[in-house]
Protein backbone atom coordinates (compact mmCIF):
# COMPACT_ATOMS: atom_id res chain seq x y z
CA MET A 1 88.18 21.17 20.14
CA THR A 2 85.01 23.21 19.75
CA PHE A 3 83.15 23.76 23.03
CA ALA A 4 79.43 24.37 23.42
CA ILE A 5 80.30 27.10 25.96
CA GLN A 6 83.63 28.86 26.21
CA ALA A 7 84.58 31.98 28.18
CA GLU A 8 87.94 33.68 28.58
CA GLY A 9 88.68 36.29 31.23
CA LEU A 10 85.09 37.46 31.71
CA GLU A 11 84.84 40.66 33.74
CA LYS A 12 81.83 42.66 34.83
CA ARG A 13 81.58 45.81 36.89
CA PHE A 14 78.48 47.48 38.27
CA GLY A 15 79.75 50.92 39.18
CA GLU A 16 82.39 50.32 41.85
CA THR A 17 81.36 46.70 42.33
CA GLN A 18 83.51 44.05 40.61
CA ALA A 19 81.04 41.20 40.06
CA LEU A 20 83.34 39.13 37.83
CA ALA A 21 87.12 39.37 37.86
CA GLY A 22 88.39 37.21 34.99
CA VAL A 23 86.26 34.05 34.81
CA SER A 24 87.29 31.39 32.28
CA LEU A 25 85.43 28.14 31.60
CA THR A 26 84.58 25.55 28.96
CA ALA A 27 81.74 23.04 28.55
CA GLN A 28 81.67 20.20 26.06
CA ALA A 29 78.51 19.48 24.10
CA GLY A 30 76.06 17.10 25.77
CA THR A 31 77.53 17.48 29.26
CA VAL A 32 76.63 19.27 32.48
CA LEU A 33 79.01 21.95 33.72
CA GLY A 34 78.35 22.66 37.39
CA VAL A 35 79.15 26.15 38.67
CA LEU A 36 79.41 26.19 42.46
CA GLY A 37 79.53 29.25 44.67
CA PRO A 38 77.81 31.03 47.55
CA ASN A 39 75.34 33.87 47.14
CA GLY A 40 77.07 36.88 45.62
CA ALA A 41 79.93 34.87 44.11
CA GLY A 42 79.12 35.98 40.55
CA LYS A 43 77.30 32.88 39.26
CA THR A 44 74.15 34.70 38.13
CA THR A 45 76.12 37.57 36.57
CA MET A 46 78.16 35.07 34.57
CA THR A 47 75.01 33.24 33.47
CA ARG A 48 73.34 36.47 32.38
CA ILE A 49 76.37 37.32 30.24
CA LEU A 50 76.42 33.89 28.59
CA ALA A 51 72.67 34.17 27.96
CA THR A 52 73.19 37.60 26.30
CA LEU A 53 71.10 39.44 28.91
CA ILE A 54 73.99 41.75 29.84
CA GLU A 55 77.33 42.49 28.21
CA PRO A 56 80.68 41.88 29.88
CA THR A 57 83.00 44.71 30.84
CA GLY A 58 85.95 42.64 29.64
CA GLY A 59 86.85 39.22 28.25
CA THR A 60 85.09 37.12 25.62
CA ALA A 61 82.50 34.35 25.57
CA HIS A 62 81.17 32.05 22.87
CA VAL A 63 78.04 29.93 23.11
CA GLY A 64 77.39 27.42 20.36
CA GLY A 65 80.38 28.93 18.57
CA TYR A 66 78.88 32.44 18.49
CA ASP A 67 80.17 35.53 20.26
CA VAL A 68 77.68 36.54 22.98
CA VAL A 69 78.14 40.24 22.20
CA ARG A 70 78.63 40.49 18.44
CA GLU A 71 76.33 37.55 17.56
CA ALA A 72 73.86 37.70 20.41
CA HIS A 73 70.85 37.06 18.14
CA LYS A 74 72.37 33.77 16.97
CA VAL A 75 73.16 32.70 20.53
CA ARG A 76 69.53 33.32 21.55
CA GLN A 77 68.34 30.90 18.88
CA LEU A 78 70.31 28.11 20.54
CA ILE A 79 69.71 28.59 24.25
CA GLY A 80 67.13 28.25 26.99
CA LEU A 81 67.29 29.88 30.42
CA THR A 82 65.69 29.09 33.76
CA GLY A 83 66.44 31.64 36.47
CA GLN A 84 66.48 31.34 40.25
CA TYR A 85 62.78 32.09 40.53
CA ALA A 86 59.89 30.76 38.47
CA GLY A 87 59.13 33.19 35.66
CA VAL A 88 55.74 31.85 34.64
CA ASP A 89 52.58 33.97 34.49
CA GLU A 90 50.62 32.91 37.56
CA MET A 91 47.27 33.96 36.07
CA LEU A 92 47.64 31.70 33.04
CA THR A 93 47.22 27.94 33.07
CA GLY A 94 50.14 25.61 32.49
CA THR A 95 49.02 25.05 28.92
CA GLU A 96 48.53 28.77 28.26
CA ASN A 97 52.00 29.59 29.61
CA LEU A 98 53.70 27.17 27.26
CA ILE A 99 51.56 28.09 24.26
CA LEU A 100 52.42 31.75 24.88
CA ILE A 101 56.14 30.95 24.82
CA GLY A 102 55.72 28.91 21.67
CA ARG A 103 53.86 31.68 19.88
CA LEU A 104 56.51 34.23 20.94
CA LEU A 105 59.10 31.92 19.42
CA GLY A 106 57.20 31.91 16.14
CA LEU A 107 55.53 28.51 16.32
CA PRO A 108 52.15 28.15 14.57
CA ARG A 109 49.27 27.85 17.03
CA ARG A 110 48.76 24.12 16.42
CA ALA A 111 52.48 23.39 16.80
CA ALA A 112 52.67 25.50 19.96
CA ARG A 113 49.74 23.60 21.51
CA ALA A 114 51.28 20.24 20.57
CA ARG A 115 54.63 21.22 22.05
CA ALA A 116 52.91 22.42 25.22
CA ALA A 117 51.08 19.12 25.64
CA GLU A 118 54.30 17.18 25.01
CA LEU A 119 56.23 19.11 27.67
CA LEU A 120 53.43 19.02 30.23
CA ASP A 121 53.36 15.26 29.88
CA ARG A 122 57.14 14.99 30.11
CA PHE A 123 57.21 17.08 33.28
CA GLN A 124 54.26 15.23 34.83
CA LEU A 125 52.02 18.31 34.75
CA SER A 126 49.26 17.05 32.47
CA ASP A 127 46.78 16.70 35.33
CA ALA A 128 47.31 20.37 36.23
CA ALA A 129 47.54 21.63 32.65
CA GLU A 130 44.30 23.62 32.81
CA ARG A 131 44.85 25.04 36.29
CA ALA A 132 46.22 28.54 36.88
CA ALA A 133 49.92 28.47 37.69
CA LYS A 134 49.23 30.34 40.94
CA THR A 135 47.66 27.11 42.27
CA TYR A 136 50.84 25.11 41.62
CA SER A 137 53.21 24.03 44.36
CA GLY A 138 56.78 25.34 44.33
CA GLY A 139 58.08 22.17 42.69
CA MET A 140 55.36 22.27 40.04
CA ARG A 141 56.17 25.89 39.22
CA ARG A 142 59.83 25.07 38.82
CA ARG A 143 58.96 22.19 36.48
CA LEU A 144 56.69 24.48 34.46
CA ASP A 145 59.42 27.11 34.34
CA LEU A 146 61.91 24.54 33.07
CA ALA A 147 59.39 23.29 30.53
CA ALA A 148 58.97 26.86 29.27
CA SER A 149 62.71 27.11 28.67
CA LEU A 150 62.55 23.97 26.51
CA VAL A 151 59.68 25.00 24.21
CA GLY A 152 62.15 26.14 21.55
CA ARG A 153 64.21 22.90 21.78
CA PRO A 154 67.45 24.62 22.88
CA GLN A 155 70.80 23.01 22.27
CA ILE A 156 72.24 24.73 25.35
CA LEU A 157 70.37 25.28 28.61
CA PHE A 158 71.31 27.60 31.48
CA LEU A 159 69.89 26.58 34.86
CA ASP A 160 70.55 29.21 37.51
CA GLU A 161 70.03 27.56 40.93
CA PRO A 162 66.90 25.76 39.70
CA THR A 163 66.30 23.76 42.90
CA THR A 164 66.64 26.56 45.46
CA GLY A 165 63.84 26.25 48.01
CA LEU A 166 62.58 22.89 46.75
CA ASP A 167 61.93 19.92 49.00
CA PRO A 168 64.10 16.80 48.47
CA ARG A 169 61.46 15.00 46.41
CA SER A 170 60.99 17.92 44.01
CA ARG A 171 64.75 18.38 43.79
CA ASN A 172 65.29 14.73 42.87
CA GLY A 173 62.59 15.06 40.23
CA LEU A 174 64.36 17.96 38.60
CA TRP A 175 67.64 16.06 38.72
CA ASP A 176 66.02 13.24 36.73
CA ILE A 177 64.80 15.76 34.17
CA VAL A 178 68.29 17.24 33.76
CA ARG A 179 69.76 13.77 33.25
CA GLY A 180 67.19 13.17 30.53
CA LEU A 181 68.16 16.40 28.78
CA THR A 182 71.83 15.46 28.53
CA ASP A 183 70.81 12.04 27.24
CA ASP A 184 69.14 13.98 24.41
CA GLY A 185 72.40 15.83 23.70
CA VAL A 186 71.55 19.13 25.43
CA THR A 187 74.45 20.97 27.06
CA VAL A 188 73.60 22.24 30.53
CA LEU A 189 75.30 24.94 32.59
CA LEU A 190 74.03 24.48 36.13
CA THR A 191 74.75 27.00 38.87
CA THR A 192 74.14 25.79 42.39
CA GLN A 193 75.11 26.17 46.04
CA TYR A 194 74.76 22.44 46.63
CA LEU A 195 77.77 20.18 46.21
CA GLU A 196 75.41 17.19 46.27
CA GLU A 197 73.57 18.59 43.27
CA ALA A 198 76.77 19.05 41.31
CA ASP A 199 77.95 15.64 42.52
CA GLN A 200 74.80 14.03 41.12
CA LEU A 201 74.66 15.86 37.80
CA ALA A 202 77.87 17.58 36.73
CA ASP A 203 80.49 16.05 34.46
CA ASP A 204 82.80 18.92 35.34
CA ILE A 205 82.70 21.60 38.04
CA ILE A 206 84.12 25.07 38.56
CA VAL A 207 84.01 26.86 41.90
CA ILE A 208 83.53 30.64 41.89
CA ASP A 209 84.09 32.95 44.84
CA ARG A 210 84.13 36.74 44.80
CA GLY A 211 83.98 36.82 41.01
CA GLN A 212 86.89 34.45 40.38
CA VAL A 213 87.33 30.77 39.58
CA ILE A 214 89.12 29.28 42.58
CA ALA A 215 88.92 25.58 41.65
CA HIS A 216 88.14 23.37 38.68
CA GLY A 217 87.67 19.64 38.33
CA THR A 218 85.31 16.76 38.93
CA SER A 219 83.46 16.36 42.21
CA ASP A 220 85.98 13.78 43.37
CA VAL A 221 88.86 16.13 42.59
CA LEU A 222 87.28 18.92 44.62
CA LYS A 223 86.58 16.64 47.56
CA ALA A 224 90.15 15.37 47.46
CA GLN A 225 91.36 18.94 48.02
CA VAL A 226 89.83 18.84 51.51
CA GLY A 227 90.76 15.26 52.27
CA GLY A 228 87.79 13.50 50.71
CA GLN A 229 86.26 12.71 54.11
CA VAL A 230 85.60 14.68 57.27
CA LEU A 231 85.88 13.37 60.83
CA GLU A 232 83.48 15.01 63.29
CA VAL A 233 83.54 14.65 67.07
CA ARG A 234 81.27 16.29 69.62
CA PRO A 235 82.08 15.70 73.32
CA ILE A 236 79.18 15.42 75.73
CA ASP A 237 80.90 17.66 78.29
CA GLN A 238 81.81 21.12 76.98
CA PRO A 239 84.97 21.34 79.16
CA ASP A 240 86.40 18.40 77.18
CA LEU A 241 86.31 20.40 73.94
CA ASP A 242 89.96 21.53 74.03
CA ALA A 243 91.22 18.06 75.00
CA VAL A 244 89.28 16.42 72.15
CA ALA A 245 90.51 19.05 69.69
CA LYS A 246 94.10 18.32 70.72
CA ILE A 247 93.66 14.56 70.31
CA VAL A 248 92.08 14.93 66.89
CA GLY A 249 94.69 17.50 65.82
CA ASP A 250 97.62 15.36 66.95
CA LEU A 251 96.37 12.32 65.06
CA ALA A 252 95.29 14.23 61.93
CA GLY A 253 98.45 16.32 61.81
CA ALA A 254 96.45 19.52 61.37
CA VAL A 255 94.61 22.02 63.52
CA PRO A 256 90.94 20.95 63.53
CA GLU A 257 88.06 23.36 63.24
CA VAL A 258 85.94 23.93 66.34
CA ARG A 259 82.50 25.33 65.63
CA ASP A 260 79.37 25.27 67.80
CA GLY A 261 80.80 22.55 70.03
CA LEU A 262 81.70 20.32 67.05
CA ILE A 263 85.28 19.42 66.20
CA SER A 264 85.92 18.54 62.56
CA THR A 265 88.92 17.90 60.35
CA PRO A 266 89.44 16.57 56.81
CA ILE A 267 91.23 13.23 56.64
CA THR A 268 92.63 10.95 53.95
CA ASP A 269 93.10 7.82 56.09
CA PRO A 270 89.83 6.24 57.34
CA GLN A 271 91.87 4.35 59.96
CA LEU A 272 92.22 7.64 61.80
CA MET A 273 88.71 7.21 63.22
CA PRO A 274 89.42 4.08 65.32
CA ALA A 275 92.67 5.68 66.47
CA VAL A 276 90.70 8.69 67.73
CA VAL A 277 88.27 6.37 69.51
CA ARG A 278 91.14 4.62 71.32
CA ARG A 279 92.72 7.90 72.41
CA LEU A 280 89.39 9.26 73.65
CA ASP A 281 88.79 6.05 75.60
CA GLU A 282 92.24 6.24 77.14
CA ALA A 283 91.55 9.84 78.18
CA GLY A 284 88.19 8.87 79.68
CA ILE A 285 86.29 11.28 77.42
CA THR A 286 82.71 10.48 76.43
CA VAL A 287 81.43 11.79 73.11
CA GLY A 288 77.87 12.35 72.00
CA GLU A 289 78.68 12.34 68.30
CA LEU A 290 81.39 10.65 66.27
CA SER A 291 81.07 10.37 62.51
CA LEU A 292 82.98 10.06 59.26
CA ARG A 293 81.30 11.57 56.22
CA LYS A 294 82.05 12.86 52.75
CA SER A 295 83.20 16.44 52.38
CA SER A 296 80.56 19.09 51.79
CA LEU A 297 80.56 22.31 49.79
CA ASP A 298 81.28 24.14 53.03
CA GLU A 299 84.51 22.17 53.60
CA VAL A 300 85.54 22.75 49.98
CA PHE A 301 85.05 26.48 50.40
CA PHE A 302 86.76 26.57 53.77
CA ALA A 303 89.78 24.73 52.36
CA LEU A 304 89.97 26.93 49.26
CA THR A 305 89.12 30.35 50.70
CA GLY A 306 89.43 30.15 54.48
CA HIS A 307 85.77 31.07 55.06
CA HIS A 308 82.47 29.23 55.10
CA THR A 309 79.72 29.86 52.60
CA ASP A 310 77.37 31.21 55.25
CA ASP A 311 80.04 33.63 56.51
CA ILE A 312 79.66 35.70 53.35
CA ASP A 313 75.93 35.33 52.73
CA ALA A 314 75.10 38.47 54.71
CA GLU A 315 77.84 40.39 52.92
CA ALA A 316 76.59 39.13 49.55
CA ASP A 317 73.01 40.12 50.33
CA GLU A 318 74.15 43.59 51.36
CA LEU A 319 76.20 43.93 48.18
CA ALA A 320 73.29 42.79 46.01
CA GLN A 321 70.93 45.22 47.71
CA SER A 322 73.42 48.05 47.23
CA THR A 323 73.83 47.19 43.55
CA ARG A 324 70.06 47.08 42.99
CA GLN A 325 69.65 50.43 44.75
CA LYS A 326 72.34 52.02 42.57
CA ALA A 327 70.60 50.68 39.45
CA THR A 328 67.26 52.04 40.67
CA ASP A 329 68.77 55.43 41.42
CA LYS A 330 70.36 55.50 37.95
CA GLU A 331 67.07 54.62 36.28
CA GLY A 332 65.33 57.34 38.28
CA ALA A 333 67.92 59.90 37.24
CA SER A 334 67.58 58.87 33.58
CA ALA A 335 63.81 59.22 33.74
C-alpha cells in the first residue's frame, strides 16, 4: 500500500535536546491523521520535517511518495501548511494576502484573483475581503491563514494546532472546513492537544510524548485504554475525601486519583456508578458532584505516561525557550 504520508524512525536533535526519538507513522490518502500530544511533545518538529522546513537527524519520511530530504522540491509542490499562529500579513487585505500567495506560486494575476475570491467565499470571508487582516478576529485570521495554505490546491495539508486559542464557535467552523477538505480527497495531518478535536475529525490517531509515539489507534481504541469512561466524585465535606476514595477504589478495583478534592477513576462497567451511590448512602456521605463522562486527553496521557498534560507544560515551555536561546546564540556567533 502506498501512503500519502509515511515516516520511519524519525529523529531530530537540537544540540543536546532530543526533540524526536524514533517517530513512525502512516496516513492514507483522503483521511485525517490526528497527532495528539502536550506542548513540547515533538508534534511541531515532526510537522516541520514532513513539510521540508527542517531535515531529520535520523530516519526517513515520504510525503506523496517523495523523500522529504532528497526530493524536497517535489514534496513542496504537493503540500500546504498552516502553523500554530496565523501567518498572514496584517497590513494587507484578505484579498491581497491570497493574491500574493497565488502570485508567489506562479499563478497569473487573473487566476490568482479568481482563486482568492473563491477561497474567501468558501471560508465565509467575502464581506471582509477588502479589510486589512489586522482588523480580523482571531477566528477570521485562522480561516484566512488556512485559505492561504489552500491557494495552490495541495493534495496534502499539514495543520499544526490550527484551533489553539479559538472560541468554540470558531473551532467548530474550522472543523467543518477540514471535513470538507477530506471530502475533496485532501489528506490532512492534524496536530492538536484536544482529544475532542481528534475525536471529531481523525480517522486514525497517534499519541506523541517526549518525542516518541506512545499509542496508536482510533479515538475509541485510545479511550478504551483508560476504561472508556471516567467516574468522578467530589464529597461536600473535605474530611470525607479518604473514605470516598476507599469506596470508589474498592468497587473499581484500582486506586483512584485524588486531585483538587475530586476523586476520579476509569471504569468499564457503567453499573459501577449506582453501586458507588449505594455505598456512599450507606456510609452517610453527601457528595456535591457525581458524574460519569467519556475519557479525556488528560486521562489518556495519565494512563499511558503516568503524568498529566499540564504537569509537563512548564517543562516544555522551559525547554522550548532554551532551544530558541541556543539557536539565537548560534546565529549571533555565525554573524
